[in-house]
Structure formats: C-alpha cells, structure tokens
Amino acid sequence: NTVYLQMNSLKPEDTAVYYCAARPQFPLATERARTAAD
C-alpha cells in the first residue's frame, strides 16, 4: 500500500513541501490528471 518518489540530481529549486495524493483510477487517465482538483 505504498507509493514512492525517487528523486535524483536534486536542485535547490526542488525545495518544497511534497504531498502524496490519491484518486479513483477512472475516468481520468493518468497522463491527464495533473491538477490538485483531480
């Protein structure tokens, strides 16, 4: 029950609070789900 984010070659501009999110798989395709509202 785990999702990972491997982050390499980190840059100062990557500094932030990182949030994990989840949504029902359908109907939105993975490539199109790119906003917080999704």
All heavy atoms as atom14 arrays in JSON, in Angstrom:
{
  "sequence": "NTVYLQMNSLKPEDTAVYYCAARPQFPLATERARTAAD",
  "atom14_mask": [
    [1, 1, 1, 1, 1, 1, 1, 1, 0, 0, 0, 0, 0, 0],
    [1, 1, 1, 1, 1, 1, 1, 0, 0, 0, 0, 0, 0, 0],
    [1, 1, 1, 1, 1, 1, 1, 0, 0, 0, 0, 0, 0, 0],
    [1, 1, 1, 1, 1, 1, 1, 1, 1, 1, 1, 1, 0, 0],
    [1, 1, 1, 1, 1, 1, 1, 1, 0, 0, 0, 0, 0, 0],
    [1, 1, 1, 1, 1, 1, 1, 1, 1, 0, 0, 0, 0, 0],
    [1, 1, 1, 1, 1, 1, 1, 1, 0, 0, 0, 0, 0, 0],
    [1, 1, 1, 1, 1, 1, 1, 1, 0, 0, 0, 0, 0, 0],
    [1, 1, 1, 1, 1, 1, 0, 0, 0, 0, 0, 0, 0, 0],
    [1, 1, 1, 1, 1, 1, 1, 1, 0, 0, 0, 0, 0, 0],
    [1, 1, 1, 1, 1, 1, 1, 1, 1, 0, 0, 0, 0, 0],
    [1, 1, 1, 1, 1, 1, 1, 0, 0, 0, 0, 0, 0, 0],
    [1, 1, 1, 1, 1, 1, 1, 1, 1, 0, 0, 0, 0, 0],
    [1, 1, 1, 1, 1, 1, 1, 1, 0, 0, 0, 0, 0, 0],
    [1, 1, 1, 1, 1, 1, 1, 0, 0, 0, 0, 0, 0, 0],
    [1, 1, 1, 1, 1, 0, 0, 0, 0, 0, 0, 0, 0, 0],
    [1, 1, 1, 1, 1, 1, 1, 0, 0, 0, 0, 0, 0, 0],
    [1, 1, 1, 1, 1, 1, 1, 1, 1, 1, 1, 1, 0, 0],
    [1, 1, 1, 1, 1, 1, 1, 1, 1, 1, 1, 1, 0, 0],
    [1, 1, 1, 1, 1, 1, 0, 0, 0, 0, 0, 0, 0, 0],
    [1, 1, 1, 1, 1, 0, 0, 0, 0, 0, 0, 0, 0, 0],
    [1, 1, 1, 1, 1, 0, 0, 0, 0, 0, 0, 0, 0, 0],
    [1, 1, 1, 1, 1, 1, 1, 1, 1, 1, 1, 0, 0, 0],
    [1, 1, 1, 1, 1, 1, 1, 0, 0, 0, 0, 0, 0, 0],
    [1, 1, 1, 1, 1, 1, 1, 1, 1, 0, 0, 0, 0, 0],
    [1, 1, 1, 1, 1, 1, 1, 1, 1, 1, 1, 0, 0, 0],
    [1, 1, 1, 1, 1, 1, 1, 0, 0, 0, 0, 0, 0, 0],
    [1, 1, 1, 1, 1, 1, 1, 1, 0, 0, 0, 0, 0, 0],
    [1, 1, 1, 1, 1, 0, 0, 0, 0, 0, 0, 0, 0, 0],
    [1, 1, 1, 1, 1, 1, 1, 0, 0, 0, 0, 0, 0, 0],
    [1, 1, 1, 1, 1, 1, 1, 1, 1, 0, 0, 0, 0, 0],
    [1, 1, 1, 1, 1, 1, 1, 1, 1, 1, 1, 0, 0, 0],
    [1, 1, 1, 1, 1, 0, 0, 0, 0, 0, 0, 0, 0, 0],
    [1, 1, 1, 1, 1, 1, 1, 1, 1, 1, 1, 0, 0, 0],
    [1, 1, 1, 1, 1, 1, 1, 0, 0, 0, 0, 0, 0, 0],
    [1, 1, 1, 1, 1, 0, 0, 0, 0, 0, 0, 0, 0, 0],
    [1, 1, 1, 1, 1, 0, 0, 0, 0, 0, 0, 0, 0, 0],
    [1, 1, 1, 1, 1, 1, 1, 1, 0, 0, 0, 0, 0, 0]
  ],
  "atom14_positions": [
    [[0.83, -1.22, 0.0], [0.0, 0.0, 0.0], [0.86, 1.26, 0.0], [0.57, 2.23, 0.72], [-0.93, 0.02, 1.22], [-2.08, -0.95, 1.08], [-2.35, -1.47, 0.0], [-2.77, -1.2, 2.17], [0.0, 0.0, 0.0], [0.0, 0.0, 0.0], [0.0, 0.0, 0.0], [0.0, 0.0, 0.0], [0.0, 0.0, 0.0], [0.0, 0.0, 0.0]],
    [[1.89, 1.26, -0.81], [2.87, 2.34, -0.77], [3.19, 2.86, -2.17], [3.34, 2.07, -3.11], [4.17, 1.88, -0.09], [3.87, 1.4, 1.22], [5.17, 3.02, 0.02], [0.0, 0.0, 0.0], [0.0, 0.0, 0.0], [0.0, 0.0, 0.0], [0.0, 0.0, 0.0], [0.0, 0.0, 0.0], [0.0, 0.0, 0.0], [0.0, 0.0, 0.0]],
    [[3.29, 4.18, -2.28], [3.76, 4.86, -3.47], [5.08, 5.55, -3.13], [5.21, 6.12, -2.04], [2.74, 5.89, -3.99], [3.31, 6.68, -5.16], [1.46, 5.2, -4.41], [0.0, 0.0, 0.0], [0.0, 0.0, 0.0], [0.0, 0.0, 0.0], [0.0, 0.0, 0.0], [0.0, 0.0, 0.0], [0.0, 0.0, 0.0], [0.0, 0.0, 0.0]],
    [[6.03, 5.48, -4.05], [7.35, 6.06, -3.81], [7.63, 7.17, -4.82], [7.08, 7.18, -5.92], [8.43, 4.99, -3.97], [8.25, 3.8, -3.07], [7.64, 2.63, -3.55], [8.68, 3.82, -1.75], [7.48, 1.52, -2.73], [8.52, 2.71, -0.92], [7.92, 1.57, -1.42], [7.75, 0.47, -0.61], [0.0, 0.0, 0.0], [0.0, 0.0, 0.0]],
    [[8.52, 8.06, -4.43], [9.06, 9.06, -5.35], [10.57, 9.09, -5.14], [11.04, 9.58, -4.12], [8.46, 10.44, -5.12], [8.91, 11.5, -6.13], [8.34, 11.19, -7.52], [8.48, 12.9, -5.7], [0.0, 0.0, 0.0], [0.0, 0.0, 0.0], [0.0, 0.0, 0.0], [0.0, 0.0, 0.0], [0.0, 0.0, 0.0], [0.0, 0.0, 0.0]],
    [[11.29, 8.52, -6.09], [12.75, 8.55, -6.06], [13.2, 9.84, -6.74], [12.87, 10.08, -7.91], [13.33, 7.35, -6.78], [14.84, 7.34, -6.86], [15.5, 7.18, -5.5], [15.07, 6.34, -4.7], [16.53, 7.97, -5.23], [0.0, 0.0, 0.0], [0.0, 0.0, 0.0], [0.0, 0.0, 0.0], [0.0, 0.0, 0.0], [0.0, 0.0, 0.0]],
    [[13.94, 10.66, -6.01], [14.37, 11.96, -6.52], [15.89, 11.98, -6.61], [16.58, 11.86, -5.59], [13.87, 13.07, -5.61], [12.36, 13.05, -5.38], [11.78, 14.45, -4.41], [12.54, 14.12, -2.85], [0.0, 0.0, 0.0], [0.0, 0.0, 0.0], [0.0, 0.0, 0.0], [0.0, 0.0, 0.0], [0.0, 0.0, 0.0], [0.0, 0.0, 0.0]],
    [[16.4, 12.1, -7.81], [17.84, 12.15, -8.06], [18.23, 13.51, -8.63], [17.38, 14.26, -9.11], [18.26, 11.06, -9.02], [17.96, 9.67, -8.49], [18.02, 9.41, -7.29], [17.66, 8.75, -9.39], [0.0, 0.0, 0.0], [0.0, 0.0, 0.0], [0.0, 0.0, 0.0], [0.0, 0.0, 0.0], [0.0, 0.0, 0.0], [0.0, 0.0, 0.0]],
    [[19.52, 13.81, -8.58], [20.04, 15.07, -9.12], [19.24, 16.25, -8.62], [18.83, 17.12, -9.41], [20.03, 15.02, -10.66], [20.8, 13.93, -11.13], [0.0, 0.0, 0.0], [0.0, 0.0, 0.0], [0.0, 0.0, 0.0], [0.0, 0.0, 0.0], [0.0, 0.0, 0.0], [0.0, 0.0, 0.0], [0.0, 0.0, 0.0], [0.0, 0.0, 0.0]],
    [[19.02, 16.3, -7.35], [18.18, 17.34, -6.77], [18.8, 18.72, -6.93], [20.02, 18.89, -6.89], [17.9, 17.05, -5.3], [16.85, 15.96, -5.06], [16.95, 15.4, -3.66], [15.45, 16.52, -5.32], [0.0, 0.0, 0.0], [0.0, 0.0, 0.0], [0.0, 0.0, 0.0], [0.0, 0.0, 0.0], [0.0, 0.0, 0.0], [0.0, 0.0, 0.0]],
    [[17.92, 19.7, -7.12], [18.32, 21.09, -7.32], [17.69, 21.95, -6.22], [16.65, 21.58, -5.67], [17.83, 21.58, -8.68], [18.28, 20.75, -9.85], [17.64, 21.26, -11.14], [18.04, 20.41, -12.34], [17.42, 20.9, -13.59], [0.0, 0.0, 0.0], [0.0, 0.0, 0.0], [0.0, 0.0, 0.0], [0.0, 0.0, 0.0], [0.0, 0.0, 0.0]],
    [[18.28, 23.1, -5.92], [17.67, 23.98, -4.91], [16.22, 24.32, -5.23], [15.4, 24.47, -4.31], [18.57, 25.21, -4.95], [19.9, 24.68, -5.36], [19.6, 23.58, -6.34], [0.0, 0.0, 0.0], [0.0, 0.0, 0.0], [0.0, 0.0, 0.0], [0.0, 0.0, 0.0], [0.0, 0.0, 0.0], [0.0, 0.0, 0.0], [0.0, 0.0, 0.0]],
    [[15.87, 24.42, -6.5], [14.5, 24.75, -6.87], [13.52, 23.61, -6.62], [12.32, 23.78, -6.78], [14.42, 25.21, -8.33], [15.08, 24.3, -9.33], [16.5, 24.74, -9.68], [17.26, 25.11, -8.76], [16.83, 24.66, -10.87], [0.0, 0.0, 0.0], [0.0, 0.0, 0.0], [0.0, 0.0, 0.0], [0.0, 0.0, 0.0], [0.0, 0.0, 0.0]],
    [[14.02, 22.45, -6.24], [13.14, 21.35, -5.84], [12.68, 21.48, -4.39], [11.84, 20.71, -3.93], [13.85, 20.0, -6.01], [14.15, 19.67, -7.46], [13.28, 19.91, -8.32], [15.25, 19.16, -7.73], [0.0, 0.0, 0.0], [0.0, 0.0, 0.0], [0.0, 0.0, 0.0], [0.0, 0.0, 0.0], [0.0, 0.0, 0.0], [0.0, 0.0, 0.0]],
    [[13.22, 22.45, -3.67], [12.84, 22.67, -2.29], [11.36, 23.0, -2.18], [10.87, 23.92, -2.84], [13.67, 23.8, -1.68], [15.05, 23.39, -1.62], [13.2, 24.13, -0.27], [0.0, 0.0, 0.0], [0.0, 0.0, 0.0], [0.0, 0.0, 0.0], [0.0, 0.0, 0.0], [0.0, 0.0, 0.0], [0.0, 0.0, 0.0], [0.0, 0.0, 0.0]],
    [[10.64, 22.24, -1.36], [9.2, 22.42, -1.22], [8.68, 21.42, -0.2], [9.39, 20.51, 0.23], [8.49, 22.21, -2.55], [0.0, 0.0, 0.0], [0.0, 0.0, 0.0], [0.0, 0.0, 0.0], [0.0, 0.0, 0.0], [0.0, 0.0, 0.0], [0.0, 0.0, 0.0], [0.0, 0.0, 0.0], [0.0, 0.0, 0.0], [0.0, 0.0, 0.0]],
    [[7.42, 21.59, 0.17], [6.7, 20.54, 0.89], [6.11, 19.62, -0.17], [5.42, 20.08, -1.09], [5.6, 21.11, 1.8], [4.83, 19.96, 2.46], [6.2, 22.03, 2.85], [0.0, 0.0, 0.0], [0.0, 0.0, 0.0], [0.0, 0.0, 0.0], [0.0, 0.0, 0.0], [0.0, 0.0, 0.0], [0.0, 0.0, 0.0], [0.0, 0.0, 0.0]],
    [[6.37, 18.34, -0.04], [5.89, 17.35, -1.0], [4.68, 16.62, -0.42], [4.72, 16.13, 0.71], [7.0, 16.37, -1.35], [7.99, 16.95, -2.33], [8.87, 17.96, -1.94], [8.05, 16.51, -3.65], [9.76, 18.52, -2.83], [8.95, 17.06, -4.55], [9.8, 18.07, -4.14], [10.68, 18.62, -5.03], [0.0, 0.0, 0.0], [0.0, 0.0, 0.0]],
    [[3.63, 16.55, -1.22], [2.38, 15.94, -0.8], [2.07, 14.71, -1.65], [2.16, 14.75, -2.88], [1.23, 16.92, -0.94], [1.32, 18.13, -0.04], [1.95, 19.29, -0.48], [0.77, 18.11, 1.24], [2.04, 20.41, 0.34], [0.85, 19.22, 2.06], [1.49, 20.36, 1.61], [1.57, 21.46, 2.42], [0.0, 0.0, 0.0], [0.0, 0.0, 0.0]],
    [[1.66, 13.66, -0.97], [1.14, 12.48, -1.64], [-0.35, 12.66, -1.86], [-1.04, 13.26, -1.02], [1.41, 11.26, -0.76], [0.77, 9.71, -1.4], [0.0, 0.0, 0.0], [0.0, 0.0, 0.0], [0.0, 0.0, 0.0], [0.0, 0.0, 0.0], [0.0, 0.0, 0.0], [0.0, 0.0, 0.0], [0.0, 0.0, 0.0], [0.0, 0.0, 0.0]],
    [[-0.85, 12.16, -2.97], [-2.28, 12.29, -3.29], [-2.78, 11.0, -3.92], [-2.0, 10.22, -4.48], [-2.5, 13.47, -4.23], [0.0, 0.0, 0.0], [0.0, 0.0, 0.0], [0.0, 0.0, 0.0], [0.0, 0.0, 0.0], [0.0, 0.0, 0.0], [0.0, 0.0, 0.0], [0.0, 0.0, 0.0], [0.0, 0.0, 0.0], [0.0, 0.0, 0.0]],
    [[-4.09, 10.79, -3.83], [-4.7, 9.61, -4.44], [-6.07, 9.97, -4.99], [-6.73, 10.91, -4.51], [-4.82, 8.48, -3.42], [0.0, 0.0, 0.0], [0.0, 0.0, 0.0], [0.0, 0.0, 0.0], [0.0, 0.0, 0.0], [0.0, 0.0, 0.0], [0.0, 0.0, 0.0], [0.0, 0.0, 0.0], [0.0, 0.0, 0.0], [0.0, 0.0, 0.0]],
    [[-6.51, 9.22, -5.98], [-7.82, 9.45, -6.61], [-8.3, 8.13, -7.19], [-7.48, 7.26, -7.52], [-7.68, 10.48, -7.73], [-6.76, 10.02, -8.84], [-6.67, 11.01, -9.99], [-5.79, 10.49, -11.04], [-6.21, 9.71, -12.02], [-7.49, 9.36, -12.12], [-5.36, 9.28, -12.93], [0.0, 0.0, 0.0], [0.0, 0.0, 0.0], [0.0, 0.0, 0.0]],
    [[-9.58, 7.96, -7.35], [-10.06, 6.77, -8.06], [-9.46, 6.74, -9.46], [-9.3, 7.79, -10.1], [-11.58, 6.97, -8.09], [-11.86, 7.84, -6.92], [-10.68, 8.77, -6.83], [0.0, 0.0, 0.0], [0.0, 0.0, 0.0], [0.0, 0.0, 0.0], [0.0, 0.0, 0.0], [0.0, 0.0, 0.0], [0.0, 0.0, 0.0], [0.0, 0.0, 0.0]],
    [[-9.08, 5.6, -9.92], [-8.38, 5.48, -11.2], [-9.2, 6.05, -12.35], [-8.64, 6.72, -13.24], [-8.05, 4.02, -11.48], [-7.43, 3.81, -12.86], [-6.1, 4.51, -12.99], [-5.18, 4.28, -12.22], [-5.96, 5.38, -14.0], [0.0, 0.0, 0.0], [0.0, 0.0, 0.0], [0.0, 0.0, 0.0], [0.0, 0.0, 0.0], [0.0, 0.0, 0.0]],
    [[-10.49, 5.78, -12.38], [-11.32, 6.21, -13.52], [-12.19, 7.38, -13.12], [-12.54, 7.56, -11.96], [-12.17, 5.04, -14.01], [-11.34, 3.87, -14.45], [-11.19, 2.77, -13.65], [-10.69, 3.91, -15.67], [-10.42, 1.7, -14.04], [-9.91, 2.84, -16.08], [-9.78, 1.73, -15.26], [0.0, 0.0, 0.0], [0.0, 0.0, 0.0], [0.0, 0.0, 0.0]],
    [[-12.6, 8.25, -14.07], [-12.42, 8.08, -15.51], [-11.2, 8.78, -16.09], [-10.92, 8.65, -17.29], [-13.68, 8.73, -16.07], [-13.95, 9.85, -15.1], [-13.53, 9.33, -13.76], [0.0, 0.0, 0.0], [0.0, 0.0, 0.0], [0.0, 0.0, 0.0], [0.0, 0.0, 0.0], [0.0, 0.0, 0.0], [0.0, 0.0, 0.0], [0.0, 0.0, 0.0]],
    [[-10.45, 9.51, -15.28], [-9.38, 10.34, -15.81], [-8.12, 9.5, -16.03], [-7.67, 8.8, -15.11], [-9.11, 11.48, -14.85], [-8.39, 12.71, -15.38], [-9.16, 13.33, -16.54], [-8.22, 13.74, -14.28], [0.0, 0.0, 0.0], [0.0, 0.0, 0.0], [0.0, 0.0, 0.0], [0.0, 0.0, 0.0], [0.0, 0.0, 0.0], [0.0, 0.0, 0.0]],
    [[-7.54, 9.59, -17.19], [-6.31, 8.87, -17.49], [-5.14, 9.48, -16.73], [-5.15, 10.67, -16.4], [-6.03, 8.91, -18.99], [0.0, 0.0, 0.0], [0.0, 0.0, 0.0], [0.0, 0.0, 0.0], [0.0, 0.0, 0.0], [0.0, 0.0, 0.0], [0.0, 0.0, 0.0], [0.0, 0.0, 0.0], [0.0, 0.0, 0.0], [0.0, 0.0, 0.0]],
    [[-4.14, 8.66, -16.45], [-3.0, 9.09, -15.65], [-2.34, 10.34, -16.24], [-2.01, 11.28, -15.51], [-1.98, 7.95, -15.56], [-2.61, 6.82, -14.96], [-0.77, 8.35, -14.72], [0.0, 0.0, 0.0], [0.0, 0.0, 0.0], [0.0, 0.0, 0.0], [0.0, 0.0, 0.0], [0.0, 0.0, 0.0], [0.0, 0.0, 0.0], [0.0, 0.0, 0.0]],
    [[-2.16, 10.35, -17.53], [-1.46, 11.46, -18.18], [-2.23, 12.77, -18.05], [-1.63, 13.86, -18.11], [-1.24, 11.12, -19.66], [-0.55, 12.18, -20.48], [0.86, 12.5, -19.97], [1.52, 11.59, -19.43], [1.27, 13.66, -20.1], [0.0, 0.0, 0.0], [0.0, 0.0, 0.0], [0.0, 0.0, 0.0], [0.0, 0.0, 0.0], [0.0, 0.0, 0.0]],
    [[-3.55, 12.7, -17.87], [-4.36, 13.92, -17.84], [-4.63, 14.42, -16.42], [-5.12, 15.53, -16.25], [-5.67, 13.67, -18.56], [-5.48, 13.29, -20.02], [-6.8, 13.23, -20.75], [-7.43, 14.53, -20.82], [-8.6, 14.76, -21.4], [-9.26, 13.76, -21.94], [-9.11, 15.96, -21.43], [0.0, 0.0, 0.0], [0.0, 0.0, 0.0], [0.0, 0.0, 0.0]],
    [[-4.35, 13.63, -15.42], [-4.63, 14.02, -14.03], [-3.43, 14.79, -13.5], [-2.5, 14.2, -12.94], [-4.91, 12.8, -13.18], [0.0, 0.0, 0.0], [0.0, 0.0, 0.0], [0.0, 0.0, 0.0], [0.0, 0.0, 0.0], [0.0, 0.0, 0.0], [0.0, 0.0, 0.0], [0.0, 0.0, 0.0], [0.0, 0.0, 0.0], [0.0, 0.0, 0.0]],
    [[-3.43, 16.11, -13.68], [-2.27, 16.92, -13.34], [-2.59, 18.13, -12.48], [-1.72, 18.99, -12.27], [-1.57, 17.38, -14.63], [-0.88, 16.27, -15.39], [-0.33, 16.74, -16.72], [0.44, 15.68, -17.38], [1.76, 15.58, -17.34], [2.47, 16.47, -16.69], [2.39, 14.59, -17.97], [0.0, 0.0, 0.0], [0.0, 0.0, 0.0], [0.0, 0.0, 0.0]],
    [[-3.78, 18.25, -11.97], [-4.1, 19.36, -11.09], [-4.54, 18.83, -9.73], [-5.01, 17.7, -9.6], [-5.23, 20.24, -11.66], [-6.47, 19.51, -11.59], [-4.95, 20.63, -13.1], [0.0, 0.0, 0.0], [0.0, 0.0, 0.0], [0.0, 0.0, 0.0], [0.0, 0.0, 0.0], [0.0, 0.0, 0.0], [0.0, 0.0, 0.0], [0.0, 0.0, 0.0]],
    [[-4.4, 19.69, -8.71], [-4.78, 19.29, -7.36], [-6.26, 18.92, -7.29], [-6.66, 18.05, -6.52], [-4.45, 20.4, -6.37], [0.0, 0.0, 0.0], [0.0, 0.0, 0.0], [0.0, 0.0, 0.0], [0.0, 0.0, 0.0], [0.0, 0.0, 0.0], [0.0, 0.0, 0.0], [0.0, 0.0, 0.0], [0.0, 0.0, 0.0], [0.0, 0.0, 0.0]],
    [[-7.07, 19.58, -8.12], [-8.51, 19.32, -8.1], [-8.85, 17.91, -8.59], [-9.94, 17.4, -8.32], [-9.23, 20.35, -8.96], [0.0, 0.0, 0.0], [0.0, 0.0, 0.0], [0.0, 0.0, 0.0], [0.0, 0.0, 0.0], [0.0, 0.0, 0.0], [0.0, 0.0, 0.0], [0.0, 0.0, 0.0], [0.0, 0.0, 0.0], [0.0, 0.0, 0.0]],
    [[-7.92, 17.28, -9.31], [-8.16, 15.92, -9.81], [-8.02, 14.87, -8.72], [-8.42, 13.72, -8.92], [-7.18, 15.61, -10.94], [-7.4, 16.46, -12.17], [-8.56, 16.8, -12.45], [-6.4, 16.79, -12.85], [0.0, 0.0, 0.0], [0.0, 0.0, 0.0], [0.0, 0.0, 0.0], [0.0, 0.0, 0.0], [0.0, 0.0, 0.0], [0.0, 0.0, 0.0]]
  ]
}
